[in-house]
Amino acid sequence: MVAPVSTASFRGLAWSSFLAHGSEQVLFTSLPLIAVLIAGADATGTGLLQVAQTLPYFLLALPLGVLADRTNRANLMATGQLLRVLGLACGIFLVMSGQLDLVALSIIGAFCAVGTLTFVIASPALLPSIVSRQDTPGANTWLELGRSIAMTAGPAAAGLLVARIGSAAGLALALGLSLTSAVIFVAIKEPASTHGRDSIRPFRGLVDGASIILHNGLLRWVVSVALVFNASAFALHAVLVVFLADILGASGTLVGSILGLLGTGMIVAALTAPVFHRALPMGIVMIIGPACGFLSAALMVLTYTTESWGFAAAGMLIFGFGPVLWTINSMSLMQAIVPRHQLGRVSGLMTLATFGVRPLGALLGTLAASVGGVGLCLMVVALGFAAQLLLAMLSPILSISKLDDVTETGRA
């Protein structure tokens, strides 16, 4: 069981985090459904919608990272959620008035993505100022548990509302969740000493953040593993539904059930993470993430050769389980190594790096499938996950015994 972290500010962060992730997942599912049902979008249209939703990560991750080090992070996250509320309100109006088209939907998606981005960057920077160092892994576990539940329940709720009530219902639910999240964010008390207007220019701040990652013995390896993992994961996502539905002949219900096991694995990992932390050194627990990624890819290859969806189901469950353990510990590691006044810019740089490689991974998977079919794509994915596991095994990550042993120099 996950041990409680008993501070009012953290409880506020945990609840607002859960609500913000819930809003994100409801919106992430609702927008493509609305694009198809109302705007008449095809596969190209929904693809462009995805591009619009990821564009803010490329354009704003770095400036928001610097801003998170210069202002109140809780208020910044509240502002991001209020921007999403504004975008969702516009979307509801356009749906109700019958004026919604794909262009407007893409603009709304990009606008709302800013709310997600502010949270992704500012939340890791805020956490060390409201919980003690020894409570950081437990706090990250709670946040990851909330995200996992939101990722599992949000899409199901959105699909049900859009199907049973109408397109505006999904947007209305996301609006309510974001508005409540913003109210809770405002109530979080962040120590004033953790932020402020320093004399460093924004560009120099980004250079300093990049220097921390490049010259830190542990962070450099963590980012390298994350880059290869994300590229490999999105190469798999590029063909996963086609693989399950067309190659294996799985029904829509079965495909949804298999994909839903990803969220199940995430929840199980978050609930059992404290057991792993007590039983194993931190470095070993982190390696479980890359190892599960490789095992999941191997099971997908086995699924292709045997045409048995049972291996695919096991692969998705494992694929949800392992990376959560990696995320909890790598986030705690970053928060222990990076000085608090620089956490925002480092978080922004890491967000840009990991999200930036995802379209490249999807493109690689698409190219491999177009050249040699789904089988070749799955082999490329397996090689990618083998590479990230090898990187993790060769890194100093394995030498970490516990978080207290890690210093700001990146040595364990």
Protein backbone atom coordinates (compact mmCIF):
# COMPACT_ATOMS: atom_id res chain seq x y z
CA MET A 1 0.00 0.00 0.00
CA VAL A 2 1.19 3.52 -0.76
CA ALA A 3 2.11 5.38 2.44
CA PRO A 4 0.35 8.73 2.90
CA VAL A 5 2.26 12.01 2.59
CA SER A 6 0.63 14.18 5.23
CA THR A 7 0.98 17.81 4.18
CA ALA A 8 -1.96 19.97 3.14
CA SER A 9 -0.07 21.38 0.16
CA PHE A 10 0.78 17.93 -1.15
CA ARG A 11 -2.79 16.71 -0.73
CA GLY A 12 -3.87 19.71 -2.77
CA LEU A 13 -1.27 18.92 -5.43
CA ALA A 14 -2.32 15.25 -5.54
CA TRP A 15 -6.02 16.04 -5.99
CA SER A 16 -5.45 18.83 -8.49
CA SER A 17 -3.04 16.56 -10.38
CA PHE A 18 -5.64 13.80 -10.58
CA LEU A 19 -8.31 16.21 -11.81
CA ALA A 20 -5.96 17.85 -14.34
CA HIS A 21 -4.92 14.47 -15.75
CA GLY A 22 -8.56 13.41 -15.83
CA SER A 23 -9.45 16.51 -17.83
CA GLU A 24 -6.55 15.86 -20.19
CA GLN A 25 -7.58 12.25 -20.84
CA VAL A 26 -11.25 13.12 -21.34
CA LEU A 27 -10.23 15.83 -23.81
CA PHE A 28 -7.67 13.57 -25.52
CA THR A 29 -10.45 11.08 -26.27
CA SER A 30 -13.27 13.55 -26.94
CA LEU A 31 -11.51 15.68 -29.56
CA PRO A 32 -10.86 12.88 -32.10
CA LEU A 33 -14.41 11.57 -31.60
CA ILE A 34 -15.85 15.05 -32.19
CA ALA A 35 -13.55 15.49 -35.21
CA VAL A 36 -14.98 12.33 -36.78
CA LEU A 37 -18.61 12.68 -35.71
CA ILE A 38 -19.12 16.41 -36.26
CA ALA A 39 -16.27 17.69 -38.46
CA GLY A 40 -16.21 14.58 -40.67
CA ALA A 41 -12.45 14.13 -40.29
CA ASP A 42 -10.63 11.17 -41.83
CA ALA A 43 -7.36 9.58 -40.67
CA THR A 44 -5.38 12.52 -42.05
CA GLY A 45 -7.62 14.97 -40.22
CA THR A 46 -7.29 13.23 -36.88
CA GLY A 47 -3.54 13.03 -37.46
CA LEU A 48 -3.37 16.79 -37.98
CA LEU A 49 -5.40 17.23 -34.80
CA GLN A 50 -2.77 15.22 -32.92
CA VAL A 51 -0.07 17.47 -34.39
CA ALA A 52 -1.93 20.56 -33.17
CA GLN A 53 -2.18 19.10 -29.66
CA THR A 54 1.55 18.38 -29.49
CA LEU A 55 2.72 21.65 -31.08
CA PRO A 56 2.77 23.61 -27.78
CA TYR A 57 5.28 21.10 -26.38
CA PHE A 58 7.76 22.14 -29.07
CA LEU A 59 7.05 25.87 -28.91
CA LEU A 60 6.47 26.52 -25.21
CA ALA A 61 8.25 23.84 -23.14
CA LEU A 62 11.47 25.85 -22.81
CA PRO A 63 9.98 29.29 -22.03
CA LEU A 64 7.50 27.76 -19.58
CA GLY A 65 10.38 25.94 -17.89
CA VAL A 66 12.20 29.22 -17.32
CA LEU A 67 8.95 30.88 -16.18
CA ALA A 68 8.37 28.07 -13.67
CA ASP A 69 11.67 29.01 -11.99
CA ARG A 70 10.73 32.70 -11.81
CA THR A 71 7.14 32.65 -10.57
CA ASN A 72 4.77 30.86 -8.21
CA ARG A 73 4.45 27.38 -9.69
CA ALA A 74 1.05 26.60 -8.18
CA ASN A 75 -0.39 29.79 -9.66
CA LEU A 76 1.24 28.97 -13.00
CA MET A 77 -0.49 25.59 -13.05
CA ALA A 78 -3.80 27.21 -12.07
CA THR A 79 -3.40 29.66 -14.96
CA GLY A 80 -2.79 26.77 -17.34
CA GLN A 81 -5.97 25.05 -16.21
CA LEU A 82 -7.96 28.28 -16.60
CA LEU A 83 -6.65 28.61 -20.16
CA ARG A 84 -7.96 25.11 -20.80
CA VAL A 85 -11.32 26.09 -19.29
CA LEU A 86 -11.49 29.04 -21.70
CA GLY A 87 -10.67 26.82 -24.68
CA LEU A 88 -13.22 24.21 -23.63
CA ALA A 89 -15.91 26.86 -23.16
CA CYS A 90 -15.28 28.04 -26.72
CA GLY A 91 -15.49 24.45 -27.92
CA ILE A 92 -18.83 23.86 -26.19
CA PHE A 93 -20.22 27.07 -27.70
CA LEU A 94 -19.12 26.07 -31.21
CA VAL A 95 -20.58 22.57 -30.82
CA MET A 96 -23.90 23.89 -29.55
CA SER A 97 -24.09 26.52 -32.30
CA GLY A 98 -23.13 24.08 -35.06
CA GLN A 99 -20.09 26.14 -36.12
CA LEU A 100 -17.34 23.68 -35.18
CA ASP A 101 -14.95 22.54 -37.91
CA LEU A 102 -11.57 20.79 -37.93
CA VAL A 103 -9.58 24.04 -37.95
CA ALA A 104 -11.41 25.39 -34.90
CA LEU A 105 -11.06 22.02 -33.18
CA SER A 106 -7.29 22.02 -33.82
CA ILE A 107 -6.93 25.53 -32.39
CA ILE A 108 -8.90 24.51 -29.30
CA GLY A 109 -6.77 21.38 -28.92
CA ALA A 110 -3.54 23.38 -29.10
CA PHE A 111 -4.88 25.99 -26.67
CA CYS A 112 -5.94 23.36 -24.15
CA ALA A 113 -2.60 21.55 -24.46
CA VAL A 114 -0.93 24.56 -22.83
CA GLY A 115 -2.77 23.65 -19.62
CA THR A 116 -1.30 20.16 -19.70
CA LEU A 117 2.17 21.48 -20.48
CA THR A 118 2.25 23.94 -17.58
CA PHE A 119 1.35 21.12 -15.22
CA VAL A 120 3.86 18.63 -16.67
CA ILE A 121 6.69 21.16 -16.23
CA ALA A 122 5.75 22.97 -13.01
CA SER A 123 4.53 20.04 -10.90
CA PRO A 124 7.93 18.26 -10.61
CA ALA A 125 9.51 21.62 -9.81
CA LEU A 126 6.96 22.36 -7.08
CA LEU A 127 7.01 18.99 -5.31
CA PRO A 128 10.42 19.22 -3.50
CA SER A 129 9.37 22.50 -1.89
CA ILE A 130 6.28 21.01 -0.21
CA VAL A 131 7.53 17.54 0.83
CA SER A 132 10.74 16.38 2.47
CA ARG A 133 13.48 14.63 0.49
CA GLN A 134 12.72 11.23 2.04
CA ASP A 135 9.02 11.61 1.18
CA THR A 136 9.70 12.43 -2.49
CA PRO A 137 9.44 8.85 -3.85
CA GLY A 138 6.20 8.27 -1.95
CA ALA A 139 4.79 11.57 -3.16
CA ASN A 140 5.70 10.77 -6.77
CA THR A 141 4.05 7.38 -6.33
CA TRP A 142 0.78 9.03 -5.28
CA LEU A 143 0.94 11.41 -8.23
CA GLU A 144 1.64 8.54 -10.62
CA LEU A 145 -1.24 6.52 -9.14
CA GLY A 146 -3.61 9.42 -9.79
CA ARG A 147 -2.34 9.77 -13.35
CA SER A 148 -2.74 6.03 -13.94
CA ILE A 149 -6.34 6.02 -12.70
CA ALA A 150 -7.11 9.08 -14.83
CA MET A 151 -5.60 7.44 -17.91
CA THR A 152 -7.76 4.38 -17.34
CA ALA A 153 -11.07 6.03 -16.42
CA GLY A 154 -10.88 9.23 -18.48
CA PRO A 155 -11.14 7.76 -22.00
CA ALA A 156 -13.94 5.41 -20.95
CA ALA A 157 -15.93 8.27 -19.42
CA ALA A 158 -15.39 10.46 -22.48
CA GLY A 159 -16.46 7.76 -24.91
CA LEU A 160 -19.59 7.01 -22.88
CA LEU A 161 -20.61 10.66 -22.60
CA VAL A 162 -20.05 11.44 -26.28
CA ALA A 163 -21.92 8.30 -27.36
CA ARG A 164 -24.87 8.59 -24.95
CA ILE A 165 -25.35 12.36 -24.48
CA GLY A 166 -23.48 14.19 -27.22
CA SER A 167 -20.20 15.81 -28.18
CA ALA A 168 -20.55 18.76 -25.81
CA ALA A 169 -20.85 16.43 -22.80
CA GLY A 170 -17.23 15.26 -23.00
CA LEU A 171 -15.99 18.84 -23.25
CA ALA A 172 -18.21 19.87 -20.33
CA LEU A 173 -16.75 17.13 -18.12
CA ALA A 174 -13.20 18.18 -19.02
CA LEU A 175 -14.11 21.82 -18.26
CA GLY A 176 -15.48 20.93 -14.83
CA LEU A 177 -12.41 18.89 -13.93
CA SER A 178 -10.01 21.65 -15.03
CA LEU A 179 -11.93 24.36 -13.20
CA THR A 180 -11.92 22.38 -9.96
CA SER A 181 -8.22 21.63 -10.43
CA ALA A 182 -7.45 25.35 -10.88
CA VAL A 183 -9.28 26.25 -7.66
CA ILE A 184 -7.25 23.68 -5.70
CA PHE A 185 -3.98 24.80 -7.31
CA VAL A 186 -4.56 28.38 -6.11
CA ALA A 187 -4.92 27.14 -2.52
CA ILE A 188 -1.49 25.42 -2.52
CA LYS A 189 1.04 27.28 -0.38
CA GLU A 190 4.47 27.32 -2.01
CA PRO A 191 7.44 28.72 -0.04
CA ALA A 192 8.47 32.04 -1.61
CA SER A 193 12.15 31.10 -1.35
CA THR A 194 11.81 28.45 -4.08
CA HIS A 195 11.06 30.91 -6.86
CA GLY A 196 11.62 34.49 -7.80
CA ARG A 197 13.07 36.81 -10.39
CA ASP A 198 16.75 35.99 -10.63
CA SER A 199 19.25 38.08 -12.54
CA ILE A 200 19.97 35.37 -15.12
CA ARG A 201 18.59 36.02 -18.57
CA PRO A 202 16.11 33.42 -19.87
CA PHE A 203 18.45 32.11 -22.59
CA ARG A 204 21.29 31.75 -20.10
CA GLY A 205 18.90 29.92 -17.79
CA LEU A 206 18.18 27.38 -20.53
CA VAL A 207 21.89 26.93 -21.16
CA ASP A 208 22.43 26.33 -17.45
CA GLY A 209 19.60 23.77 -17.42
CA ALA A 210 21.06 21.93 -20.41
CA SER A 211 24.48 21.99 -18.75
CA ILE A 212 23.06 20.30 -15.65
CA ILE A 213 21.70 17.43 -17.75
CA LEU A 214 24.76 17.04 -19.98
CA HIS A 215 27.34 17.17 -17.20
CA ASN A 216 25.45 15.15 -14.60
CA GLY A 217 26.50 11.51 -14.52
CA LEU A 218 23.04 10.16 -13.71
CA LEU A 219 20.70 12.61 -15.45
CA ARG A 220 22.53 12.22 -18.76
CA TRP A 221 21.89 8.48 -18.73
CA VAL A 222 18.29 8.87 -17.54
CA VAL A 223 17.52 11.19 -20.46
CA SER A 224 19.29 8.89 -22.94
CA VAL A 225 17.23 5.88 -21.84
CA ALA A 226 14.02 7.94 -21.90
CA LEU A 227 14.71 9.17 -25.45
CA VAL A 228 15.19 5.65 -26.85
CA PHE A 229 12.23 4.33 -24.84
CA ASN A 230 9.84 7.03 -26.11
CA ALA A 231 10.95 6.62 -29.72
CA SER A 232 10.45 2.84 -29.50
CA ALA A 233 7.11 3.15 -27.72
CA PHE A 234 5.64 5.47 -30.34
CA ALA A 235 6.98 3.31 -33.16
CA LEU A 236 4.85 0.57 -31.59
CA HIS A 237 1.83 2.85 -31.15
CA ALA A 238 1.98 3.73 -34.85
CA VAL A 239 0.91 0.20 -35.85
CA LEU A 240 -0.56 -1.29 -32.67
CA VAL A 241 -4.27 -0.91 -33.43
CA VAL A 242 -3.82 -2.00 -37.05
CA PHE A 243 -1.77 -4.97 -35.84
CA LEU A 244 -4.41 -6.09 -33.35
CA ALA A 245 -7.45 -5.46 -35.53
CA ASP A 246 -6.28 -6.34 -39.05
CA ILE A 247 -3.48 -8.86 -38.51
CA LEU A 248 -4.95 -10.72 -35.54
CA GLY A 249 -8.57 -10.08 -36.49
CA ALA A 250 -9.49 -8.93 -32.99
CA SER A 251 -12.89 -7.27 -32.56
CA GLY A 252 -13.22 -3.65 -31.50
CA THR A 253 -14.19 -4.75 -28.01
CA LEU A 254 -11.19 -7.06 -27.73
CA VAL A 255 -8.82 -4.37 -29.05
CA GLY A 256 -10.17 -1.93 -26.46
CA SER A 257 -9.80 -4.52 -23.70
CA ILE A 258 -6.19 -5.26 -24.66
CA LEU A 259 -5.30 -1.57 -24.80
CA GLY A 260 -7.05 -1.04 -21.46
CA LEU A 261 -4.59 -3.42 -19.81
CA LEU A 262 -1.98 -0.67 -20.18
CA GLY A 263 -3.82 1.38 -17.56
CA THR A 264 -4.30 -1.69 -15.38
CA GLY A 265 -0.56 -2.31 -15.37
CA MET A 266 0.08 1.32 -14.46
CA ILE A 267 -2.27 1.20 -11.47
CA VAL A 268 -0.79 -2.08 -10.22
CA ALA A 269 2.72 -0.63 -10.50
CA ALA A 270 1.81 2.52 -8.57
CA LEU A 271 0.14 0.50 -5.81
CA THR A 272 3.03 -1.95 -5.45
CA ALA A 273 5.90 0.54 -5.91
CA PRO A 274 6.47 0.91 -2.13
CA VAL A 275 6.97 -2.86 -1.88
CA PHE A 276 9.70 -2.72 -4.51
CA HIS A 277 11.30 0.29 -2.82
CA ARG A 278 11.51 -1.55 0.49
CA ALA A 279 12.74 -4.83 -0.97
CA LEU A 280 15.22 -3.70 -3.63
CA PRO A 281 17.86 -1.00 -4.18
CA MET A 282 16.59 2.04 -6.08
CA GLY A 283 18.76 1.32 -9.12
CA ILE A 284 17.35 -2.20 -9.50
CA VAL A 285 13.78 -0.87 -9.26
CA MET A 286 14.53 1.65 -12.01
CA ILE A 287 15.94 -1.04 -14.31
CA ILE A 288 12.63 -2.93 -14.07
CA GLY A 289 11.13 -0.23 -16.33
CA PRO A 290 13.45 -0.74 -19.34
CA ALA A 291 13.38 -4.51 -18.77
CA CYS A 292 9.58 -4.55 -18.92
CA GLY A 293 9.70 -2.45 -22.09
CA PHE A 294 11.91 -5.03 -23.79
CA LEU A 295 9.83 -7.96 -22.50
CA SER A 296 6.66 -6.30 -23.78
CA ALA A 297 8.21 -5.80 -27.24
CA ALA A 298 9.34 -9.43 -27.30
CA LEU A 299 5.79 -10.53 -26.47
CA MET A 300 4.46 -8.42 -29.35
CA VAL A 301 6.87 -10.16 -31.74
CA LEU A 302 5.72 -13.49 -30.30
CA THR A 303 2.12 -12.39 -30.85
CA TYR A 304 2.89 -11.75 -34.51
CA THR A 305 4.53 -15.14 -35.04
CA THR A 306 1.88 -17.16 -33.15
CA GLU A 307 -1.16 -14.96 -33.93
CA SER A 308 -2.26 -15.34 -30.31
CA TRP A 309 -3.77 -12.23 -28.73
CA GLY A 310 -2.96 -13.58 -25.25
CA PHE A 311 0.69 -12.61 -25.69
CA ALA A 312 -0.39 -9.12 -26.77
CA ALA A 313 -2.54 -8.78 -23.65
CA ALA A 314 0.36 -9.81 -21.42
CA GLY A 315 2.63 -7.41 -23.30
CA MET A 316 0.32 -4.44 -22.74
CA LEU A 317 -0.03 -5.24 -19.04
CA ILE A 318 3.75 -5.38 -18.64
CA PHE A 319 4.18 -2.28 -20.79
CA GLY A 320 1.99 -0.35 -18.35
CA PHE A 321 3.67 -1.79 -15.27
CA GLY A 322 7.40 -1.26 -15.77
CA PRO A 323 7.58 2.35 -17.02
CA VAL A 324 5.62 3.60 -13.98
CA LEU A 325 8.37 2.33 -11.68
CA TRP A 326 10.91 4.09 -13.90
CA THR A 327 8.92 7.34 -13.91
CA ILE A 328 8.49 7.45 -10.13
CA ASN A 329 12.19 6.91 -9.47
CA SER A 330 13.63 8.98 -12.32
CA MET A 331 11.45 11.92 -11.26
CA SER A 332 12.61 11.55 -7.64
CA LEU A 333 16.19 11.37 -8.90
CA MET A 334 15.86 14.61 -10.87
CA GLN A 335 14.29 16.37 -7.89
CA ALA A 336 17.15 15.22 -5.64
CA ILE A 337 19.92 16.26 -8.04
CA VAL A 338 18.75 19.55 -9.55
CA PRO A 339 18.79 22.68 -7.35
CA ARG A 340 15.23 23.78 -6.61
CA HIS A 341 15.57 27.15 -8.31
CA GLN A 342 16.52 25.38 -11.58
CA LEU A 343 13.98 22.54 -11.54
CA GLY A 344 11.56 24.30 -13.88
CA ARG A 345 14.02 24.82 -16.73
CA VAL A 346 15.44 21.29 -16.40
CA SER A 347 11.90 19.87 -16.36
CA GLY A 348 11.10 21.90 -19.48
CA LEU A 349 14.18 20.63 -21.30
CA MET A 350 13.44 17.01 -20.39
CA THR A 351 9.81 17.43 -21.48
CA LEU A 352 10.91 18.87 -24.83
CA ALA A 353 13.39 16.03 -25.35
CA THR A 354 11.02 13.18 -24.52
CA PHE A 355 7.99 14.60 -26.31
CA GLY A 356 10.08 15.77 -29.25
CA VAL A 357 11.28 12.27 -30.06
CA ARG A 358 7.78 10.77 -30.09
CA PRO A 359 6.81 11.93 -33.60
CA LEU A 360 10.16 10.65 -34.85
CA GLY A 361 9.43 7.25 -33.31
CA ALA A 362 5.98 7.18 -34.88
CA LEU A 363 7.51 8.10 -38.24
CA LEU A 364 10.10 5.33 -37.89
CA GLY A 365 7.39 2.79 -37.13
CA THR A 366 5.30 3.96 -40.08
CA LEU A 367 8.27 3.76 -42.46
CA ALA A 368 9.24 0.29 -41.25
CA ALA A 369 5.66 -0.93 -41.69
CA SER A 370 5.43 0.57 -45.19
CA VAL A 371 8.69 -1.10 -46.25
CA GLY A 372 8.39 -4.52 -44.63
CA GLY A 373 4.96 -4.70 -43.04
CA VAL A 374 3.96 -4.91 -39.39
CA GLY A 375 6.44 -7.72 -38.76
CA LEU A 376 9.42 -5.53 -39.66
CA CYS A 377 8.04 -2.69 -37.55
CA LEU A 378 7.74 -4.96 -34.52
CA MET A 379 11.33 -6.14 -35.01
CA VAL A 380 12.51 -2.52 -35.14
CA VAL A 381 10.54 -1.82 -31.96
CA ALA A 382 12.12 -4.83 -30.23
CA LEU A 383 15.61 -3.65 -31.24
CA GLY A 384 14.83 -0.19 -29.87
CA PHE A 385 13.70 -1.55 -26.53
CA ALA A 386 16.76 -3.82 -26.42
CA ALA A 387 18.92 -0.72 -26.94
CA GLN A 388 17.28 1.22 -24.10
CA LEU A 389 17.67 -1.77 -21.77
CA LEU A 390 21.35 -2.04 -22.71
CA LEU A 391 21.84 1.68 -22.07
CA ALA A 392 20.23 1.34 -18.65
CA MET A 393 22.35 -1.70 -17.75
CA LEU A 394 25.59 0.07 -18.78
CA SER A 395 24.73 3.26 -16.89
CA PRO A 396 25.58 4.14 -13.27
CA ILE A 397 21.86 3.84 -12.48
CA LEU A 398 22.41 0.30 -11.21
CA SER A 399 24.80 1.59 -8.55
CA ILE A 400 22.10 3.63 -6.77
CA SER A 401 21.19 2.06 -3.45
CA LYS A 402 18.78 4.68 -2.10
CA LEU A 403 17.83 8.27 -2.84
CA ASP A 404 19.73 9.66 0.15
CA ASP A 405 22.98 8.43 -1.43
CA VAL A 406 22.52 10.65 -4.50
CA THR A 407 24.25 14.03 -4.47
CA GLU A 408 23.83 17.06 -6.71
CA THR A 409 26.94 15.95 -8.61
CA GLY A 410 24.98 12.98 -9.91
CA ARG A 411 27.07 10.40 -8.07
CA ALA A 412 25.55 7.58 -6.07
